[in-house]
């Protein structure tokens, strides 16, 4: 689960965006995180490509997964990695 404390609908991580998130961008900064560690950003349909590109050019992006799949545990990473 992305935010187990909140019952609110997850929103996009793009600055100023308040749209519902539909994608999870799993990433890590190899200078700061162990290889198996995954941080997450959420993205709406409109900002998925922009946020993916931002992380990708830095070599941080590891996976892009639909939010419903991530929440259901069907993605490759385990809940402990989030």
PDB file of N, CA and C in Angstrom:
ATOM      1  N   UNK A   1       0.835  -1.172   0.000  1.00  0.00           N
ATOM      2  CA  UNK A   1       0.000   0.000   0.000  1.00  0.00           C
ATOM      3  C   UNK A   1       0.887   1.245   0.000  1.00  0.00           C
ATOM      4  N   UNK A   2       0.531   2.232  -0.755  1.00  0.00           N
ATOM      5  CA  UNK A   2       1.338   3.438  -0.877  1.00  0.00           C
ATOM      6  C   UNK A   2       1.319   4.239   0.415  1.00  0.00           C
ATOM      7  N   UNK A   3       0.161   4.519   0.964  1.00  0.00           N
ATOM      8  CA  UNK A   3       0.056   5.298   2.192  1.00  0.00           C
ATOM      9  C   UNK A   3      -0.979   4.657   3.104  1.00  0.00           C
ATOM     10  N   UNK A   4      -0.574   3.698   3.940  1.00  0.00           N
ATOM     11  CA  UNK A   4      -1.534   2.973   4.758  1.00  0.00           C
ATOM     12  C   UNK A   4      -2.206   3.830   5.822  1.00  0.00           C
ATOM     13  N   UNK A   5      -1.677   5.026   6.115  1.00  0.00           N
ATOM     14  CA  UNK A   5      -2.242   5.878   7.148  1.00  0.00           C
ATOM     15  C   UNK A   5      -3.429   6.676   6.626  1.00  0.00           C
ATOM     16  N   UNK A   6      -3.455   6.950   5.347  1.00  0.00           N
ATOM     17  CA  UNK A   6      -4.467   7.817   4.764  1.00  0.00           C
ATOM     18  C   UNK A   6      -5.500   7.030   3.967  1.00  0.00           C
ATOM     19  N   UNK A   7      -6.764   7.467   4.081  1.00  0.00           N
ATOM     20  CA  UNK A   7      -7.835   6.875   3.280  1.00  0.00           C
ATOM     21  C   UNK A   7      -8.056   7.660   1.996  1.00  0.00           C
ATOM     22  N   UNK A   8      -7.293   8.739   1.798  1.00  0.00           N
ATOM     23  CA  UNK A   8      -7.449   9.576   0.627  1.00  0.00           C
ATOM     24  C   UNK A   8      -6.935   8.866  -0.623  1.00  0.00           C
ATOM     25  N   UNK A   9      -7.469   9.275  -1.759  1.00  0.00           N
ATOM     26  CA  UNK A   9      -6.992   8.757  -3.031  1.00  0.00           C
ATOM     27  C   UNK A   9      -5.578   9.278  -3.264  1.00  0.00           C
ATOM     28  N   UNK A  10      -4.638   8.403  -3.624  1.00  0.00           N
ATOM     29  CA  UNK A  10      -3.267   8.862  -3.897  1.00  0.00           C
ATOM     30  C   UNK A  10      -3.259   9.867  -5.041  1.00  0.00           C
ATOM     31  N   UNK A  11      -2.428  10.917  -4.904  1.00  0.00           N
ATOM     32  CA  UNK A  11      -2.351  11.947  -5.935  1.00  0.00           C
ATOM     33  C   UNK A  11      -0.973  11.945  -6.586  1.00  0.00           C
ATOM     34  N   UNK A  12      -0.910  12.526  -7.739  1.00  0.00           N
ATOM     35  CA  UNK A  12       0.304  12.622  -8.529  1.00  0.00           C
ATOM     36  C   UNK A  12       1.396  13.380  -7.771  1.00  0.00           C
ATOM     37  N   UNK A  13       2.643  12.940  -7.934  1.00  0.00           N
ATOM     38  CA  UNK A  13       3.791  13.577  -7.283  1.00  0.00           C
ATOM     39  C   UNK A  13       4.322  14.793  -8.039  1.00  0.00           C
ATOM     40  N   UNK A  14       3.820  15.049  -9.239  1.00  0.00           N
ATOM     41  CA  UNK A  14       4.292  16.211 -10.008  1.00  0.00           C
ATOM     42  C   UNK A  14       3.938  17.499  -9.268  1.00  0.00           C
ATOM     43  N   UNK A  15       4.862  18.439  -9.275  1.00  0.00           N
ATOM     44  CA  UNK A  15       4.676  19.702  -8.560  1.00  0.00           C
ATOM     45  C   UNK A  15       3.384  20.387  -8.990  1.00  0.00           C
ATOM     46  N   UNK A  16       2.532  20.688  -8.014  1.00  0.00           N
ATOM     47  CA  UNK A  16       1.291  21.405  -8.264  1.00  0.00           C
ATOM     48  C   UNK A  16       0.144  20.569  -8.788  1.00  0.00           C
ATOM     49  N   UNK A  17       0.376  19.309  -9.104  1.00  0.00           N
ATOM     50  CA  UNK A  17      -0.681  18.457  -9.660  1.00  0.00           C
ATOM     51  C   UNK A  17      -1.502  17.854  -8.524  1.00  0.00           C
ATOM     52  N   UNK A  18      -2.802  17.885  -8.662  1.00  0.00           N
ATOM     53  CA  UNK A  18      -3.699  17.294  -7.663  1.00  0.00           C
ATOM     54  C   UNK A  18      -4.527  16.151  -8.271  1.00  0.00           C
ATOM     55  N   UNK A  19      -4.133  15.666  -9.437  1.00  0.00           N
ATOM     56  CA  UNK A  19      -4.869  14.598 -10.118  1.00  0.00           C
ATOM     57  C   UNK A  19      -4.627  13.258  -9.425  1.00  0.00           C
ATOM     58  N   UNK A  20      -5.590  12.373  -9.557  1.00  0.00           N
ATOM     59  CA  UNK A  20      -5.449  11.022  -9.011  1.00  0.00           C
ATOM     60  C   UNK A  20      -4.277  10.318  -9.673  1.00  0.00           C
ATOM     61  N   UNK A  21      -3.496   9.633  -8.869  1.00  0.00           N
ATOM     62  CA  UNK A  21      -2.372   8.859  -9.394  1.00  0.00           C
ATOM     63  C   UNK A  21      -2.885   7.551  -9.983  1.00  0.00           C
ATOM     64  N   UNK A  22      -2.288   7.143 -11.091  1.00  0.00           N
ATOM     65  CA  UNK A  22      -2.617   5.852 -11.702  1.00  0.00           C
ATOM     66  C   UNK A  22      -1.367   5.024 -11.965  1.00  0.00           C
ATOM     67  N   UNK A  23      -0.185   5.611 -11.748  1.00  0.00           N
ATOM     68  CA  UNK A  23       1.080   4.923 -11.977  1.00  0.00           C
ATOM     69  C   UNK A  23       1.987   5.054 -10.761  1.00  0.00           C
ATOM     70  N   UNK A  24       2.810   4.035 -10.534  1.00  0.00           N
ATOM     71  CA  UNK A  24       3.866   4.086  -9.526  1.00  0.00           C
ATOM     72  C   UNK A  24       5.198   4.017 -10.267  1.00  0.00           C
ATOM     73  N   UNK A  25       6.066   4.974  -9.987  1.00  0.00           N
ATOM     74  CA  UNK A  25       7.412   4.983 -10.557  1.00  0.00           C
ATOM     75  C   UNK A  25       8.364   4.566  -9.436  1.00  0.00           C
ATOM     76  N   UNK A  26       8.924   3.385  -9.556  1.00  0.00           N
ATOM     77  CA  UNK A  26       9.858   2.876  -8.554  1.00  0.00           C
ATOM     78  C   UNK A  26      11.267   3.273  -8.965  1.00  0.00           C
ATOM     79  N   UNK A  27      12.019   3.816  -8.026  1.00  0.00           N
ATOM     80  CA  UNK A  27      13.345   4.331  -8.348  1.00  0.00           C
ATOM     81  C   UNK A  27      14.271   4.206  -7.162  1.00  0.00           C
ATOM     82  N   UNK A  28      15.552   4.393  -7.411  1.00  0.00           N
ATOM     83  CA  UNK A  28      16.517   4.574  -6.329  1.00  0.00           C
ATOM     84  C   UNK A  28      17.711   5.354  -6.848  1.00  0.00           C
ATOM     85  N   UNK A  29      18.371   6.018  -5.934  1.00  0.00           N
ATOM     86  CA  UNK A  29      19.589   6.756  -6.248  1.00  0.00           C
ATOM     87  C   UNK A  29      20.742   5.877  -5.783  1.00  0.00           C
ATOM     88  N   UNK A  30      21.502   5.297  -6.696  1.00  0.00           N
ATOM     89  CA  UNK A  30      22.553   4.358  -6.300  1.00  0.00           C
ATOM     90  C   UNK A  30      23.639   4.961  -5.417  1.00  0.00           C
ATOM     91  N   UNK A  31      23.739   6.290  -5.407  1.00  0.00           N
ATOM     92  CA  UNK A  31      24.715   6.933  -4.516  1.00  0.00           C
ATOM     93  C   UNK A  31      24.217   6.976  -3.071  1.00  0.00           C
ATOM     94  N   UNK A  32      22.906   6.821  -2.886  1.00  0.00           N
ATOM     95  CA  UNK A  32      22.314   6.916  -1.554  1.00  0.00           C
ATOM     96  C   UNK A  32      21.664   5.631  -1.051  1.00  0.00           C
ATOM     97  N   UNK A  33      21.168   4.811  -1.963  1.00  0.00           N
ATOM     98  CA  UNK A  33      20.365   3.646  -1.586  1.00  0.00           C
ATOM     99  C   UNK A  33      21.036   2.337  -1.988  1.00  0.00           C
ATOM    100  N   UNK A  34      20.768   1.290  -1.228  1.00  0.00           N
ATOM    101  CA  UNK A  34      21.232  -0.037  -1.612  1.00  0.00           C
ATOM    102  C   UNK A  34      20.499  -0.444  -2.887  1.00  0.00           C
ATOM    103  N   UNK A  35      21.066  -1.342  -3.697  1.00  0.00           N
ATOM    104  CA  UNK A  35      20.457  -1.700  -4.989  1.00  0.00           C
ATOM    105  C   UNK A  35      19.020  -2.216  -4.898  1.00  0.00           C
ATOM    106  N   UNK A  36      18.661  -2.892  -3.819  1.00  0.00           N
ATOM    107  CA  UNK A  36      17.315  -3.453  -3.710  1.00  0.00           C
ATOM    108  C   UNK A  36      16.278  -2.444  -3.196  1.00  0.00           C
ATOM    109  N   UNK A  37      16.715  -1.322  -2.676  1.00  0.00           N
ATOM    110  CA  UNK A  37      15.808  -0.309  -2.126  1.00  0.00           C
ATOM    111  C   UNK A  37      15.016   0.356  -3.244  1.00  0.00           C
ATOM    112  N   UNK A  38      13.726   0.556  -3.015  1.00  0.00           N
ATOM    113  CA  UNK A  38      12.887   1.254  -3.988  1.00  0.00           C
ATOM    114  C   UNK A  38      12.131   2.382  -3.314  1.00  0.00           C
ATOM    115  N   UNK A  39      12.330   3.584  -3.822  1.00  0.00           N
ATOM    116  CA  UNK A  39      11.543   4.741  -3.449  1.00  0.00           C
ATOM    117  C   UNK A  39      10.427   4.830  -4.492  1.00  0.00           C
ATOM    118  N   UNK A  40       9.354   5.544  -4.192  1.00  0.00           N
ATOM    119  CA  UNK A  40       8.259   5.631  -5.153  1.00  0.00           C
ATOM    120  C   UNK A  40       7.774   7.057  -5.330  1.00  0.00           C
ATOM    121  N   UNK A  41       7.446   7.367  -6.564  1.00  0.00           N
ATOM    122  CA  UNK A  41       6.698   8.560  -6.918  1.00  0.00           C
ATOM    123  C   UNK A  41       5.418   8.068  -7.562  1.00  0.00           C
ATOM    124  N   UNK A  42       4.360   8.835  -7.399  1.00  0.00           N
ATOM    125  CA  UNK A  42       3.086   8.527  -8.027  1.00  0.00           C
ATOM    126  C   UNK A  42       2.877   9.475  -9.196  1.00  0.00           C
ATOM    127  N   UNK A  43       2.202   8.992 -10.225  1.00  0.00           N
ATOM    128  CA  UNK A  43       1.978   9.830 -11.405  1.00  0.00           C
ATOM    129  C   UNK A  43       0.574   9.650 -11.951  1.00  0.00           C
ATOM    130  N   UNK A  44       0.006  10.762 -12.403  1.00  0.00           N
ATOM    131  CA  UNK A  44      -1.237  10.703 -13.159  1.00  0.00           C
ATOM    132  C   UNK A  44      -0.867  10.358 -14.605  1.00  0.00           C
ATOM    133  N   UNK A  45      -1.863  10.152 -15.426  1.00  0.00           N
ATOM    134  CA  UNK A  45      -1.612   9.814 -16.832  1.00  0.00           C
ATOM    135  C   UNK A  45      -0.823  10.922 -17.530  1.00  0.00           C
ATOM    136  N   UNK A  46      -1.167  12.174 -17.237  1.00  0.00           N
ATOM    137  CA  UNK A  46      -0.528  13.318 -17.893  1.00  0.00           C
ATOM    138  C   UNK A  46       0.959  13.454 -17.541  1.00  0.00           C
ATOM    139  N   UNK A  47       1.349  13.136 -16.315  1.00  0.00           N
ATOM    140  CA  UNK A  47       2.725  13.368 -15.866  1.00  0.00           C
ATOM    141  C   UNK A  47       3.612  12.123 -15.835  1.00  0.00           C
ATOM    142  N   UNK A  48       3.070  10.979 -16.188  1.00  0.00           N
ATOM    143  CA  UNK A  48       3.868   9.739 -16.140  1.00  0.00           C
ATOM    144  C   UNK A  48       5.141   9.850 -16.992  1.00  0.00           C
ATOM    145  N   UNK A  49       5.013  10.299 -18.207  1.00  0.00           N
ATOM    146  CA  UNK A  49       6.172  10.375 -19.101  1.00  0.00           C
ATOM    147  C   UNK A  49       7.191  11.397 -18.600  1.00  0.00           C
ATOM    148  N   UNK A  50       6.731  12.560 -18.165  1.00  0.00           N
ATOM    149  CA  UNK A  50       7.630  13.603 -17.672  1.00  0.00           C
ATOM    150  C   UNK A  50       8.417  13.121 -16.446  1.00  0.00           C
ATOM    151  N   UNK A  51       7.732  12.549 -15.471  1.00  0.00           N
ATOM    152  CA  UNK A  51       8.412  12.068 -14.266  1.00  0.00           C
ATOM    153  C   UNK A  51       9.333  10.889 -14.588  1.00  0.00           C
ATOM    154  N   UNK A  52       8.908  10.010 -15.485  1.00  0.00           N
ATOM    155  CA  UNK A  52       9.755   8.887 -15.898  1.00  0.00           C
ATOM    156  C   UNK A  52      11.031   9.377 -16.563  1.00  0.00           C
ATOM    157  N   UNK A  53      10.895  10.369 -17.433  1.00  0.00           N
ATOM    158  CA  UNK A  53      12.061  10.941 -18.119  1.00  0.00           C
ATOM    159  C   UNK A  53      13.016  11.591 -17.117  1.00  0.00           C
ATOM    160  N   UNK A  54      12.462  12.340 -16.148  1.00  0.00           N
ATOM    161  CA  UNK A  54      13.268  13.001 -15.125  1.00  0.00           C
ATOM    162  C   UNK A  54      14.122  11.986 -14.369  1.00  0.00           C
ATOM    163  N   UNK A  55      13.507  10.895 -13.939  1.00  0.00           N
ATOM    164  CA  UNK A  55      14.249   9.855 -13.213  1.00  0.00           C
ATOM    165  C   UNK A  55      15.163   9.066 -14.147  1.00  0.00           C
ATOM    166  N   UNK A  56      14.705   8.820 -15.360  1.00  0.00           N
ATOM    167  CA  UNK A  56      15.458   8.014 -16.315  1.00  0.00           C
ATOM    168  C   UNK A  56      16.777   8.631 -16.738  1.00  0.00           C
ATOM    169  N   UNK A  57      16.787   9.928 -17.006  1.00  0.00           N
ATOM    170  CA  UNK A  57      18.029  10.560 -17.456  1.00  0.00           C
ATOM    171  C   UNK A  57      19.090  10.554 -16.351  1.00  0.00           C
ATOM    172  N   UNK A  58      18.677  10.403 -15.128  1.00  0.00           N
ATOM    173  CA  UNK A  58      19.601  10.327 -13.995  1.00  0.00           C
ATOM    174  C   UNK A  58      19.994   8.886 -13.665  1.00  0.00           C
ATOM    175  N   UNK A  59      19.371   7.934 -14.367  1.00  0.00           N
ATOM    176  CA  UNK A  59      19.654   6.523 -14.114  1.00  0.00           C
ATOM    177  C   UNK A  59      18.992   5.994 -12.858  1.00  0.00           C
ATOM    178  N   UNK A  60      17.951   6.689 -12.375  1.00  0.00           N
ATOM    179  CA  UNK A  60      17.286   6.297 -11.134  1.00  0.00           C
ATOM    180  C   UNK A  60      16.079   5.385 -11.357  1.00  0.00           C
ATOM    181  N   UNK A  61      15.400   5.510 -12.487  1.00  0.00           N
ATOM    182  CA  UNK A  61      14.144   4.787 -12.714  1.00  0.00           C
ATOM    183  C   UNK A  61      14.385   3.290 -12.829  1.00  0.00           C
ATOM    184  N   UNK A  62      13.637   2.509 -12.053  1.00  0.00           N
ATOM    185  CA  UNK A  62      13.765   1.055 -12.062  1.00  0.00           C
ATOM    186  C   UNK A  62      12.539   0.366 -12.645  1.00  0.00           C
ATOM    187  N   UNK A  63      11.342   0.937 -12.437  1.00  0.00           N
ATOM    188  CA  UNK A  63      10.125   0.286 -12.904  1.00  0.00           C
ATOM    189  C   UNK A  63       8.976   1.282 -12.914  1.00  0.00           C
ATOM    190  N   UNK A  64       8.031   1.092 -13.838  1.00  0.00           N
ATOM    191  CA  UNK A  64       6.794   1.853 -13.889  1.00  0.00           C
ATOM    192  C   UNK A  64       5.666   0.829 -13.894  1.00  0.00           C
ATOM    193  N   UNK A  65       4.803   0.928 -12.879  1.00  0.00           N
ATOM    194  CA  UNK A  65       3.768  -0.086 -12.657  1.00  0.00           C
ATOM    195  C   UNK A  65       2.427   0.614 -12.429  1.00  0.00           C
ATOM    196  N   UNK A  66       1.334   0.082 -12.991  1.00  0.00           N
ATOM    197  CA  UNK A  66       0.022   0.657 -12.672  1.00  0.00           C
ATOM    198  C   UNK A  66      -0.218   0.604 -11.159  1.00  0.00           C
ATOM    199  N   UNK A  67      -0.802   1.667 -10.612  1.00  0.00           N
ATOM    200  CA  UNK A  67      -1.044   1.755  -9.182  1.00  0.00           C
ATOM    201  C   UNK A  67      -1.853   0.564  -8.670  1.00  0.00           C
ATOM    202  N   UNK A  68      -2.871   0.155  -9.412  1.00  0.00           N
ATOM    203  CA  UNK A  68      -3.701  -0.975  -8.976  1.00  0.00           C
ATOM    204  C   UNK A  68      -2.878  -2.256  -8.845  1.00  0.00           C
ATOM    205  N   UNK A  69      -1.940  -2.453  -9.759  1.00  0.00           N
ATOM    206  CA  UNK A  69      -1.073  -3.636  -9.705  1.00  0.00           C
ATOM    207  C   UNK A  69      -0.117  -3.544  -8.516  1.00  0.00           C
ATOM    208  N   UNK A  70       0.442  -2.370  -8.279  1.00  0.00           N
ATOM    209  CA  UNK A  70       1.373  -2.154  -7.160  1.00  0.00           C
ATOM    210  C   UNK A  70       0.657  -2.401  -5.835  1.00  0.00           C
ATOM    211  N   UNK A  71      -0.564  -1.848  -5.688  1.00  0.00           N
ATOM    212  CA  UNK A  71      -1.340  -2.005  -4.462  1.00  0.00           C
ATOM    213  C   UNK A  71      -1.731  -3.456  -4.205  1.00  0.00           C
ATOM    214  N   UNK A  72      -1.952  -4.211  -5.288  1.00  0.00           N
ATOM    215  CA  UNK A  72      -2.384  -5.596  -5.120  1.00  0.00           C
ATOM    216  C   UNK A  72      -1.212  -6.535  -4.836  1.00  0.00           C
ATOM    217  N   UNK A  73       0.016  -6.021  -4.951  1.00  0.00           N
ATOM    218  CA  UNK A  73       1.180  -6.845  -4.691  1.00  0.00           C
ATOM    219  C   UNK A  73       1.624  -7.670  -5.881  1.00  0.00           C
ATOM    220  N   UNK A  74       1.057  -7.386  -7.077  1.00  0.00           N
ATOM    221  CA  UNK A  74       1.406  -8.137  -8.268  1.00  0.00           C
ATOM    222  C   UNK A  74       2.721  -7.694  -8.898  1.00  0.00           C
ATOM    223  N   UNK A  75       3.289  -6.574  -8.430  1.00  0.00           N
ATOM    224  CA  UNK A  75       4.549  -6.096  -9.011  1.00  0.00           C
ATOM    225  C   UNK A  75       5.709  -6.895  -8.489  1.00  0.00           C
ATOM    226  N   UNK A  76       6.858  -6.768  -9.143  1.00  0.00           N
ATOM    227  CA  UNK A  76       8.038  -7.570  -8.816  1.00  0.00           C
ATOM    228  C   UNK A  76       8.586  -7.289  -7.428  1.00  0.00           C
ATOM    229  N   UNK A  77       8.521  -6.042  -6.965  1.00  0.00           N
ATOM    230  CA  UNK A  77       9.070  -5.701  -5.662  1.00  0.00           C
ATOM    231  C   UNK A  77       8.161  -6.134  -4.528  1.00  0.00           C
ATOM    232  N   UNK A  78       8.742  -6.333  -3.362  1.00  0.00           N
ATOM    233  CA  UNK A  78       7.932  -6.687  -2.200  1.00  0.00           C
ATOM    234  C   UNK A  78       7.532  -5.433  -1.454  1.00  0.00           C
ATOM    235  N   UNK A  79       6.551  -5.545  -0.574  1.00  0.00           N
ATOM    236  CA  UNK A  79       6.082  -4.397   0.183  1.00  0.00           C
ATOM    237  C   UNK A  79       7.187  -3.793   1.031  1.00  0.00           C
ATOM    238  N   UNK A  80       8.133  -4.597   1.457  1.00  0.00           N
ATOM    239  CA  UNK A  80       9.236  -4.104   2.289  1.00  0.00           C
ATOM    240  C   UNK A  80      10.138  -3.160   1.512  1.00  0.00           C
ATOM    241  N   UNK A  81      10.132  -3.226   0.194  1.00  0.00           N
ATOM    242  CA  UNK A  81      10.979  -2.381  -0.638  1.00  0.00           C
ATOM    243  C   UNK A  81      10.387  -0.991  -0.835  1.00  0.00           C
ATOM    244  N   UNK A  82       9.168  -0.779  -0.451  1.00  0.00           N
ATOM    245  CA  UNK A  82       8.480   0.490  -0.747  1.00  0.00           C
ATOM    246  C   UNK A  82       8.610   1.489   0.334  1.00  0.00           C
TER     247      UNK A  82
END
